[in-house]
PDB file of N, CA and C in Angstrom:
ATOM      1  N   MET A   1      34.553 197.163 143.951  1.00  0.00           N
ATOM      2  CA  MET A   1      35.267 196.951 144.471  1.00  0.00           C
ATOM      3  C   MET A   1      35.274 195.165 145.214  1.00  0.00           C
ATOM      4  N   ASP A   2      35.987 195.100 144.973  1.00  0.00           N
ATOM      5  CA  ASP A   2      35.752 193.018 145.370  1.00  0.00           C
ATOM      6  C   ASP A   2      34.741 192.976 146.959  1.00  0.00           C
ATOM      7  N   GLU A   3      35.079 191.764 146.926  1.00  0.00           N
ATOM      8  CA  GLU A   3      34.742 191.199 148.445  1.00  0.00           C
ATOM      9  C   GLU A   3      35.861 191.311 149.582  1.00  0.00           C
ATOM     10  N   PHE A   4      37.163 190.830 148.367  1.00  0.00           N
ATOM     11  CA  PHE A   4      38.640 190.414 149.912  1.00  0.00           C
ATOM     12  C   PHE A   4      38.704 192.537 149.647  1.00  0.00           C
ATOM     13  N   GLU A   5      38.446 192.627 149.164  1.00  0.00           N
ATOM     14  CA  GLU A   5      39.024 194.929 148.935  1.00  0.00           C
ATOM     15  C   GLU A   5      38.743 195.352 150.503  1.00  0.00           C
ATOM     16  N   ALA A   6      36.971 195.398 149.976  1.00  0.00           N
ATOM     17  CA  ALA A   6      35.963 196.002 150.724  1.00  0.00           C
ATOM     18  C   ALA A   6      36.113 195.782 152.301  1.00  0.00           C
ATOM     19  N   ILE A   7      36.246 193.520 152.626  1.00  0.00           N
ATOM     20  CA  ILE A   7      36.245 193.801 154.432  1.00  0.00           C
ATOM     21  C   ILE A   7      37.528 194.024 154.292  1.00  0.00           C
ATOM     22  N   PHE A   8      39.143 193.943 153.609  1.00  0.00           N
ATOM     23  CA  PHE A   8      40.398 194.484 153.903  1.00  0.00           C
ATOM     24  C   PHE A   8      40.037 195.931 154.126  1.00  0.00           C
ATOM     25  N   ARG A   9      39.473 196.337 153.767  1.00  0.00           N
ATOM     26  CA  ARG A   9      39.603 198.253 153.795  1.00  0.00           C
ATOM     27  C   ARG A   9      38.480 198.127 154.998  1.00  0.00           C
ATOM     28  N   SER A  10      37.703 198.033 155.387  1.00  0.00           N
ATOM     29  CA  SER A  10      36.910 197.975 156.390  1.00  0.00           C
ATOM     30  C   SER A  10      37.655 196.784 157.554  1.00  0.00           C
ATOM     31  N   GLN A  11      38.258 196.461 157.884  1.00  0.00           N
ATOM     32  CA  GLN A  11      39.114 195.524 159.054  1.00  0.00           C
ATOM     33  C   GLN A  11      40.038 196.535 159.207  1.00  0.00           C
ATOM     34  N   GLY A  12      40.070 197.670 157.687  1.00  0.00           N
ATOM     35  CA  GLY A  12      41.859 198.572 158.732  1.00  0.00           C
ATOM     36  C   GLY A  12      43.705 197.282 158.944  1.00  0.00           C
ATOM     37  N   LEU A  13      43.131 195.929 157.406  1.00  0.00           N
ATOM     38  CA  LEU A  13      44.516 195.310 158.183  1.00  0.00           C
ATOM     39  C   LEU A  13      45.742 196.232 157.109  1.00  0.00           C
ATOM     40  N   PRO A  14      46.909 195.725 157.377  1.00  0.00           N
ATOM     41  CA  PRO A  14      47.937 196.253 156.771  1.00  0.00           C
ATOM     42  C   PRO A  14      47.997 196.337 155.068  1.00  0.00           C
ATOM     43  N   GLU A  15      48.209 196.688 154.560  1.00  0.00           N
ATOM     44  CA  GLU A  15      48.841 195.852 152.982  1.00  0.00           C
ATOM     45  C   GLU A  15      49.889 195.639 153.325  1.00  0.00           C
ATOM     46  N   ALA A  16      50.786 194.176 151.923  1.00  0.00           N
ATOM     47  CA  ALA A  16      51.462 193.555 152.948  1.00  0.00           C
ATOM     48  C   ALA A  16      52.854 193.547 152.426  1.00  0.00           C
ATOM     49  N   GLY A  17      53.399 193.669 153.140  1.00  0.00           N
ATOM     50  CA  GLY A  17      55.322 194.866 153.620  1.00  0.00           C
ATOM     51  C   GLY A  17      54.132 195.456 155.294  1.00  0.00           C
ATOM     52  N   SER A  18      54.484 196.271 155.164  1.00  0.00           N
ATOM     53  CA  SER A  18      53.841 196.813 155.735  1.00  0.00           C
ATOM     54  C   SER A  18      54.762 196.968 157.635  1.00  0.00           C
ATOM     55  N   VAL A  19      54.896 197.554 158.424  1.00  0.00           N
ATOM     56  CA  VAL A  19      55.002 197.443 159.142  1.00  0.00           C
ATOM     57  C   VAL A  19      54.283 196.696 160.619  1.00  0.00           C
ATOM     58  N   VAL A  20      54.112 196.565 162.352  1.00  0.00           N
ATOM     59  CA  VAL A  20      52.821 196.752 162.760  1.00  0.00           C
ATOM     60  C   VAL A  20      53.767 196.013 163.833  1.00  0.00           C
ATOM     61  N   ARG A  21      53.230 196.795 165.029  1.00  0.00           N
ATOM     62  CA  ARG A  21      53.817 196.744 165.786  1.00  0.00           C
ATOM     63  C   ARG A  21      52.352 195.640 167.384  1.00  0.00           C
ATOM     64  N   CYS A  22      53.151 194.877 167.679  1.00  0.00           N
ATOM     65  CA  CYS A  22      53.179 194.232 168.728  1.00  0.00           C
ATOM     66  C   CYS A  22      52.283 194.491 169.914  1.00  0.00           C
ATOM     67  N   ARG A  23      51.705 195.400 170.618  1.00  0.00           N
ATOM     68  CA  ARG A  23      50.430 195.873 171.416  1.00  0.00           C
ATOM     69  C   ARG A  23      51.049 194.559 172.989  1.00  0.00           C
ATOM     70  N   LYS A  24      51.198 193.697 172.615  1.00  0.00           N
ATOM     71  CA  LYS A  24      50.834 193.117 173.182  1.00  0.00           C
ATOM     72  C   LYS A  24      52.733 192.938 173.849  1.00  0.00           C
ATOM     73  N   THR A  25      54.373 192.300 173.243  1.00  0.00           N
ATOM     74  CA  THR A  25      55.318 192.373 173.523  1.00  0.00           C
ATOM     75  C   THR A  25      56.294 193.650 173.307  1.00  0.00           C
ATOM     76  N   ASN A  26      55.589 195.090 172.070  1.00  0.00           N
ATOM     77  CA  ASN A  26      56.162 196.416 172.052  1.00  0.00           C
ATOM     78  C   ASN A  26      57.130 195.944 170.929  1.00  0.00           C
ATOM     79  N   SER A  27      56.868 195.069 169.899  1.00  0.00           N
ATOM     80  CA  SER A  27      58.262 194.378 169.371  1.00  0.00           C
ATOM     81  C   SER A  27      57.530 194.149 167.187  1.00  0.00           C
ATOM     82  N   LEU A  28      57.964 194.850 166.705  1.00  0.00           N
ATOM     83  CA  LEU A  28      57.949 194.797 165.157  1.00  0.00           C
ATOM     84  C   LEU A  28      57.649 194.339 165.070  1.00  0.00           C
ATOM     85  N   TRP A  29      56.999 193.582 163.270  1.00  0.00           N
ATOM     86  CA  TRP A  29      56.666 192.649 162.531  1.00  0.00           C
ATOM     87  C   TRP A  29      56.292 193.058 161.559  1.00  0.00           C
ATOM     88  N   ARG A  30      56.667 191.861 161.148  1.00  0.00           N
ATOM     89  CA  ARG A  30      56.135 192.026 158.514  1.00  0.00           C
ATOM     90  C   ARG A  30      55.047 191.745 158.475  1.00  0.00           C
ATOM     91  N   VAL A  31      54.637 191.902 158.293  1.00  0.00           N
ATOM     92  CA  VAL A  31      53.341 191.638 156.964  1.00  0.00           C
ATOM     93  C   VAL A  31      53.201 191.394 155.817  1.00  0.00           C
ATOM     94  N   MET A  32      53.161 189.744 155.958  1.00  0.00           N
ATOM     95  CA  MET A  32      52.948 189.533 154.350  1.00  0.00           C
ATOM     96  C   MET A  32      51.246 188.758 154.830  1.00  0.00           C
ATOM     97  N   VAL A  33      50.403 188.711 153.741  1.00  0.00           N
ATOM     98  CA  VAL A  33      48.635 189.122 153.249  1.00  0.00           C
ATOM     99  C   VAL A  33      48.701 187.878 151.862  1.00  0.00           C
ATOM    100  N   ARG A  34      47.287 186.778 153.087  1.00  0.00           N
ATOM    101  CA  ARG A  34      47.031 186.189 151.339  1.00  0.00           C
ATOM    102  C   ARG A  34      46.032 185.558 151.644  1.00  0.00           C
ATOM    103  N   GLU A  35      44.779 185.606 150.240  1.00  0.00           N
ATOM    104  CA  GLU A  35      42.728 185.290 150.124  1.00  0.00           C
ATOM    105  C   GLU A  35      43.198 184.476 150.721  1.00  0.00           C
ATOM    106  N   VAL A  36      41.730 184.311 151.685  1.00  0.00           N
ATOM    107  CA  VAL A  36      41.431 182.505 152.110  1.00  0.00           C
ATOM    108  C   VAL A  36      40.053 182.402 151.617  1.00  0.00           C
ATOM    109  N   TRP A  37      39.659 181.795 151.473  1.00  0.00           N
ATOM    110  CA  TRP A  37      38.078 181.403 151.803  1.00  0.00           C
ATOM    111  C   TRP A  37      37.637 180.388 153.383  1.00  0.00           C
ATOM    112  N   ARG A  38      37.069 180.774 153.808  1.00  0.00           N
ATOM    113  CA  ARG A  38      37.188 180.434 154.813  1.00  0.00           C
ATOM    114  C   ARG A  38      35.812 179.821 155.087  1.00  0.00           C
ATOM    115  N   TRP A  39      35.594 177.791 155.280  1.00  0.00           N
ATOM    116  CA  TRP A  39      34.642 177.783 155.432  1.00  0.00           C
ATOM    117  C   TRP A  39      33.007 178.070 156.877  1.00  0.00           C
ATOM    118  N   VAL A  40      32.656 178.306 156.913  1.00  0.00           N
ATOM    119  CA  VAL A  40      31.605 178.117 157.916  1.00  0.00           C
ATOM    120  C   VAL A  40      30.405 177.623 158.154  1.00  0.00           C
ATOM    121  N   GLU A  41      29.791 177.251 159.445  1.00  0.00           N
ATOM    122  CA  GLU A  41      28.725 175.983 158.744  1.00  0.00           C
ATOM    123  C   GLU A  41      27.380 176.826 159.533  1.00  0.00           C
ATOM    124  N   GLU A  42      27.045 176.957 158.376  1.00  0.00           N
ATOM    125  CA  GLU A  42      25.215 176.595 158.685  1.00  0.00           C
ATOM    126  C   GLU A  42      24.405 176.073 159.405  1.00  0.00           C
ATOM    127  N   PRO A  43      23.617 177.023 160.064  1.00  0.00           N
ATOM    128  CA  PRO A  43      22.804 176.683 160.983  1.00  0.00           C
ATOM    129  C   PRO A  43      21.780 175.105 160.343  1.00  0.00           C
ATOM    130  N   PRO A  44      22.029 174.011 161.503  1.00  0.00           N
ATOM    131  CA  PRO A  44      21.651 172.670 161.863  1.00  0.00           C
ATOM    132  C   PRO A  44      20.425 172.659 160.502  1.00  0.00           C
ATOM    133  N   GLU A  45      19.510 173.296 160.354  1.00  0.00           N
ATOM    134  CA  GLU A  45      18.029 172.796 158.912  1.00  0.00           C
ATOM    135  C   GLU A  45      18.811 173.708 157.801  1.00  0.00           C
ATOM    136  N   SER A  46      19.914 173.374 157.760  1.00  0.00           N
ATOM    137  CA  SER A  46      20.874 173.207 156.747  1.00  0.00           C
ATOM    138  C   SER A  46      21.802 172.299 156.641  1.00  0.00           C
ATOM    139  N   ASP A  47      22.228 172.055 155.095  1.00  0.00           N
ATOM    140  CA  ASP A  47      22.527 170.870 154.891  1.00  0.00           C
ATOM    141  C   ASP A  47      23.867 172.107 153.915  1.00  0.00           C
ATOM    142  N   GLU A  48      23.413 173.579 153.876  1.00  0.00           N
ATOM    143  CA  GLU A  48      25.195 173.737 153.559  1.00  0.00           C
ATOM    144  C   GLU A  48      26.181 173.777 153.553  1.00  0.00           C
ATOM    145  N   ALA A  49      26.862 174.759 153.310  1.00  0.00           N
ATOM    146  CA  ALA A  49      27.985 174.959 153.827  1.00  0.00           C
ATOM    147  C   ALA A  49      27.932 175.942 153.293  1.00  0.00           C
ATOM    148  N   LEU A  50      28.339 177.220 154.097  1.00  0.00           N
ATOM    149  CA  LEU A  50      29.010 178.673 153.565  1.00  0.00           C
ATOM    150  C   LEU A  50      30.547 178.853 152.968  1.00  0.00           C
ATOM    151  N   VAL A  51      30.764 179.129 152.704  1.00  0.00           N
ATOM    152  CA  VAL A  51      32.196 179.788 152.108  1.00  0.00           C
ATOM    153  C   VAL A  51      32.380 181.424 152.323  1.00  0.00           C
ATOM    154  N   VAL A  52      33.483 182.262 153.066  1.00  0.00           N
ATOM    155  CA  VAL A  52      33.389 183.693 152.553  1.00  0.00           C
ATOM    156  C   VAL A  52      34.961 184.097 152.874  1.00  0.00           C
ATOM    157  N   PRO A  53      34.757 185.393 152.424  1.00  0.00           N
ATOM    158  CA  PRO A  53      36.712 186.551 152.522  1.00  0.00           C
ATOM    159  C   PRO A  53      37.038 186.455 153.123  1.00  0.00           C
ATOM    160  N   SER A  54      38.145 185.608 153.226  1.00  0.00           N
ATOM    161  CA  SER A  54      38.857 185.631 154.259  1.00  0.00           C
ATOM    162  C   SER A  54      40.624 186.022 154.843  1.00  0.00           C
ATOM    163  N   PHE A  55      40.888 187.028 154.937  1.00  0.00           N
ATOM    164  CA  PHE A  55      42.922 187.493 155.281  1.00  0.00           C
ATOM    165  C   PHE A  55      42.622 187.022 156.160  1.00  0.00           C
ATOM    166  N   TYR A  56      44.009 185.255 155.614  1.00  0.00           N
ATOM    167  CA  TYR A  56      45.518 184.995 157.055  1.00  0.00           C
ATOM    168  C   TYR A  56      46.754 186.113 156.593  1.00  0.00           C
ATOM    169  N   LEU A  57      46.950 186.425 157.704  1.00  0.00           N
ATOM    170  CA  LEU A  57      48.199 187.813 157.836  1.00  0.00           C
ATOM    171  C   LEU A  57      48.653 186.507 158.746  1.00  0.00           C
ATOM    172  N   SER A  58      50.504 186.572 157.275  1.00  0.00           N
ATOM    173  CA  SER A  58      51.498 185.978 158.657  1.00  0.00           C
ATOM    174  C   SER A  58      52.372 187.141 158.506  1.00  0.00           C
ATOM    175  N   PHE A  59      53.006 186.880 160.009  1.00  0.00           N
ATOM    176  CA  PHE A  59      53.692 188.207 160.560  1.00  0.00           C
ATOM    177  C   PHE A  59      54.685 187.782 160.837  1.00  0.00           C
ATOM    178  N   TRP A  60      56.020 188.289 160.594  1.00  0.00           N
ATOM    179  CA  TRP A  60      57.755 187.818 160.486  1.00  0.00           C
ATOM    180  C   TRP A  60      58.520 189.226 161.316  1.00  0.00           C
ATOM    181  N   ARG A  61      58.768 188.510 162.591  1.00  0.00           N
ATOM    182  CA  ARG A  61      59.804 189.361 163.606  1.00  0.00           C
ATOM    183  C   ARG A  61      60.653 189.831 163.232  1.00  0.00           C
ATOM    184  N   ILE A  62      61.284 191.130 163.441  1.00  0.00           N
ATOM    185  CA  ILE A  62      62.530 191.810 162.911  1.00  0.00           C
ATOM    186  C   ILE A  62      63.418 192.174 163.979  1.00  0.00           C
ATOM    187  N   GLU A  63      64.387 192.068 162.879  1.00  0.00           N
ATOM    188  CA  GLU A  63      65.112 190.933 164.498  1.00  0.00           C
ATOM    189  C   GLU A  63      65.932 191.628 163.843  1.00  0.00           C
ATOM    190  N   ALA A  64      67.271 192.726 163.803  1.00  0.00           N
ATOM    191  CA  ALA A  64      68.519 193.071 164.029  1.00  0.00           C
ATOM    192  C   ALA A  64      69.463 192.027 163.808  1.00  0.00           C
ATOM    193  N   GLY A  65      70.466 191.967 162.133  1.00  0.00           N
ATOM    194  CA  GLY A  65      71.235 191.501 162.200  1.00  0.00           C
ATOM    195  C   GLY A  65      70.384 189.668 161.560  1.00  0.00           C
ATOM    196  N   VAL A  66      68.836 189.752 161.443  1.00  0.00           N
ATOM    197  CA  VAL A  66      68.427 188.870 161.329  1.00  0.00           C
ATOM    198  C   VAL A  66      67.946 188.727 159.485  1.00  0.00           C
ATOM    199  N   PRO A  67      68.361 187.881 157.918  1.00  0.00           N
ATOM    200  CA  PRO A  67      67.145 188.079 157.334  1.00  0.00           C
ATOM    201  C   PRO A  67      65.513 187.963 157.694  1.00  0.00           C
ATOM    202  N   PRO A  68      65.425 188.848 156.393  1.00  0.00           N
ATOM    203  CA  PRO A  68      63.965 189.401 156.575  1.00  0.00           C
ATOM    204  C   PRO A  68      63.061 187.760 155.907  1.00  0.00           C
ATOM    205  N   GLY A  69      62.277 187.869 156.572  1.00  0.00           N
ATOM    206  CA  GLY A  69      61.315 185.932 156.408  1.00  0.00           C
ATOM    207  C   GLY A  69      62.565 185.281 157.422  1.00  0.00           C
ATOM    208  N   VAL A  70      62.926 185.341 157.999  1.00  0.00           N
ATOM    209  CA  VAL A  70      64.500 183.926 158.763  1.00  0.00           C
ATOM    210  C   VAL A  70      63.342 184.442 160.114  1.00  0.00           C
ATOM    211  N   GLY A  71      63.369 183.770 161.143  1.00  0.00           N
ATOM    212  CA  GLY A  71      62.751 183.538 162.162  1.00  0.00           C
ATOM    213  C   GLY A  71      61.257 183.493 163.358  1.00  0.00           C
ATOM    214  N   GLN A  72      61.497 183.686 163.918  1.00  0.00           N
ATOM    215  CA  GLN A  72      59.658 183.634 164.576  1.00  0.00           C
ATOM    216  C   GLN A  72      58.944 183.987 163.613  1.00  0.00           C
ATOM    217  N   MET A  73      57.639 183.832 164.104  1.00  0.00           N
ATOM    218  CA  MET A  73      56.442 183.930 162.389  1.00  0.00           C
ATOM    219  C   MET A  73      54.720 183.954 163.205  1.00  0.00           C
ATOM    220  N   LEU A  74      54.486 184.187 162.998  1.00  0.00           N
ATOM    221  CA  LEU A  74      52.988 184.649 163.704  1.00  0.00           C
ATOM    222  C   LEU A  74      51.567 184.404 162.446  1.00  0.00           C
ATOM    223  N   GLY A  75      51.331 184.035 162.719  1.00  0.00           N
ATOM    224  CA  GLY A  75      49.331 184.084 161.895  1.00  0.00           C
ATOM    225  C   GLY A  75      48.497 184.502 162.633  1.00  0.00           C
ATOM    226  N   HIS A  76      47.568 184.134 161.716  1.00  0.00           N
ATOM    227  CA  HIS A  76      46.030 184.145 162.819  1.00  0.00           C
ATOM    228  C   HIS A  76      44.721 184.496 160.185  1.00  0.00           C
ATOM    229  N   LEU A  77      44.273 184.260 160.563  1.00  0.00           N
ATOM    230  CA  LEU A  77      42.614 183.941 160.116  1.00  0.00           C
ATOM    231  C   LEU A  77      42.141 186.029 160.011  1.00  0.00           C
ATOM    232  N   TYR A  78      41.952 186.588 159.953  1.00  0.00           N
ATOM    233  CA  TYR A  78      41.042 187.423 160.369  1.00  0.00           C
ATOM    234  C   TYR A  78      39.498 187.266 159.218  1.00  0.00           C
ATOM    235  N   HIS A  79      38.865 187.227 159.583  1.00  0.00           N
ATOM    236  CA  HIS A  79      37.263 186.379 158.980  1.00  0.00           C
ATOM    237  C   HIS A  79      36.340 187.639 159.309  1.00  0.00           C
ATOM    238  N   PRO A  80      35.533 188.179 157.491  1.00  0.00           N
ATOM    239  CA  PRO A  80      34.440 189.338 157.913  1.00  0.00           C
ATOM    240  C   PRO A  80      34.498 189.728 160.003  1.00  0.00           C
ATOM    241  N   ASN A  81      33.852 188.711 160.122  1.00  0.00           N
ATOM    242  CA  ASN A  81      33.390 189.115 161.566  1.00  0.00           C
ATOM    243  C   ASN A  81      34.058 189.519 162.756  1.00  0.00           C
ATOM    244  N   ASP A  82      35.685 189.562 162.529  1.00  0.00           N
ATOM    245  CA  ASP A  82      36.381 189.461 163.841  1.00  0.00           C
ATOM    246  C   ASP A  82      37.092 191.112 163.474  1.00  0.00           C
ATOM    247  N   ASN A  83      37.373 191.788 164.291  1.00  0.00           N
ATOM    248  CA  ASN A  83      37.033 192.954 164.400  1.00  0.00           C
ATOM    249  C   ASN A  83      38.919 193.054 165.487  1.00  0.00           C
ATOM    250  N   SER A  84      40.170 191.733 165.678  1.00  0.00           N
ATOM    251  CA  SER A  84      40.411 191.829 166.893  1.00  0.00           C
ATOM    252  C   SER A  84      42.243 191.988 165.790  1.00  0.00           C
ATOM    253  N   PHE A  85      42.315 192.660 164.471  1.00  0.00           N
ATOM    254  CA  PHE A  85      42.767 192.768 164.584  1.00  0.00           C
ATOM    255  C   PHE A  85      43.524 194.043 164.947  1.00  0.00           C
ATOM    256  N   ALA A  86      42.525 195.706 165.347  1.00  0.00           N
ATOM    257  CA  ALA A  86      43.446 197.043 165.767  1.00  0.00           C
ATOM    258  C   ALA A  86      43.245 196.808 167.514  1.00  0.00           C
ATOM    259  N   ALA A  87      43.285 195.531 168.080  1.00  0.00           N
ATOM    260  CA  ALA A  87      43.078 194.997 169.491  1.00  0.00           C
ATOM    261  C   ALA A  87      44.835 194.668 169.798  1.00  0.00           C
ATOM    262  N   ASN A  88      45.526 194.081 169.295  1.00  0.00           N
ATOM    263  CA  ASN A  88      46.500 193.799 169.349  1.00  0.00           C
ATOM    264  C   ASN A  88      47.771 194.119 168.276  1.00  0.00           C
ATOM    265  N   TRP A  89      47.426 194.899 167.460  1.00  0.00           N
ATOM    266  CA  TRP A  89      47.888 195.328 166.248  1.00  0.00           C
ATOM    267  C   TRP A  89      48.416 196.899 166.049  1.00  0.00           C
ATOM    268  N   GLU A  90      49.630 197.874 165.633  1.00  0.00           N
ATOM    269  CA  GLU A  90      48.771 199.045 165.848  1.00  0.00           C
ATOM    270  C   GLU A  90      50.137 198.741 164.267  1.00  0.00           C
ATOM    271  N   ILE A  91      49.480 199.778 163.188  1.00  0.00           N
ATOM    272  CA  ILE A  91      50.345 199.532 161.644  1.00  0.00           C
ATOM    273  C   ILE A  91      51.539 201.137 161.437  1.00  0.00           C
ATOM    274  N   VAL A  92      52.901 200.438 162.040  1.00  0.00           N
ATOM    275  CA  VAL A  92      53.650 202.021 161.993  1.00  0.00           C
ATOM    276  C   VAL A  92      53.855 202.197 160.931  1.00  0.00           C
ATOM    277  N   THR A  93      54.463 203.764 160.244  1.00  0.00           N
ATOM    278  CA  THR A  93      54.702 204.586 159.083  1.00  0.00           C
ATOM    279  C   THR A  93      56.295 204.520 159.372  1.00  0.00           C
ATOM    280  N   TYR A  94      56.589 203.562 160.013  1.00  0.00           N
ATOM    281  CA  TYR A  94      58.149 203.963 159.983  1.00  0.00           C
ATOM    282  C   TYR A  94      58.894 203.089 161.401  1.00  0.00           C
ATOM    283  N   HIS A  95      59.698 203.081 161.219  1.00  0.00           N
ATOM    284  CA  HIS A  95      60.950 201.352 162.222  1.00  0.00           C
ATOM    285  C   HIS A  95      62.126 202.017 162.130  1.00  0.00           C
TER     286      HIS A  95
END
């Protein structure tokens, strides 16, 4: 299991194409996933920067009569120490 997959599974992030429900607005969104490297500043005593594997999730709102990928879109960068997905989203198995 590589670093990206380990982080993805440990945070309970949805797979690309999954549908999630926003806990705040109760609306449905389709997920797109992209693996990225996030720059993290090292402590001041070090001149080196550190990169960590992260995921950028794009959320496209599902609306009747609107084709996929068109309309309102949100995005968030999830990194190893960010556990906010479960607080804001719920993965749905049907819609």
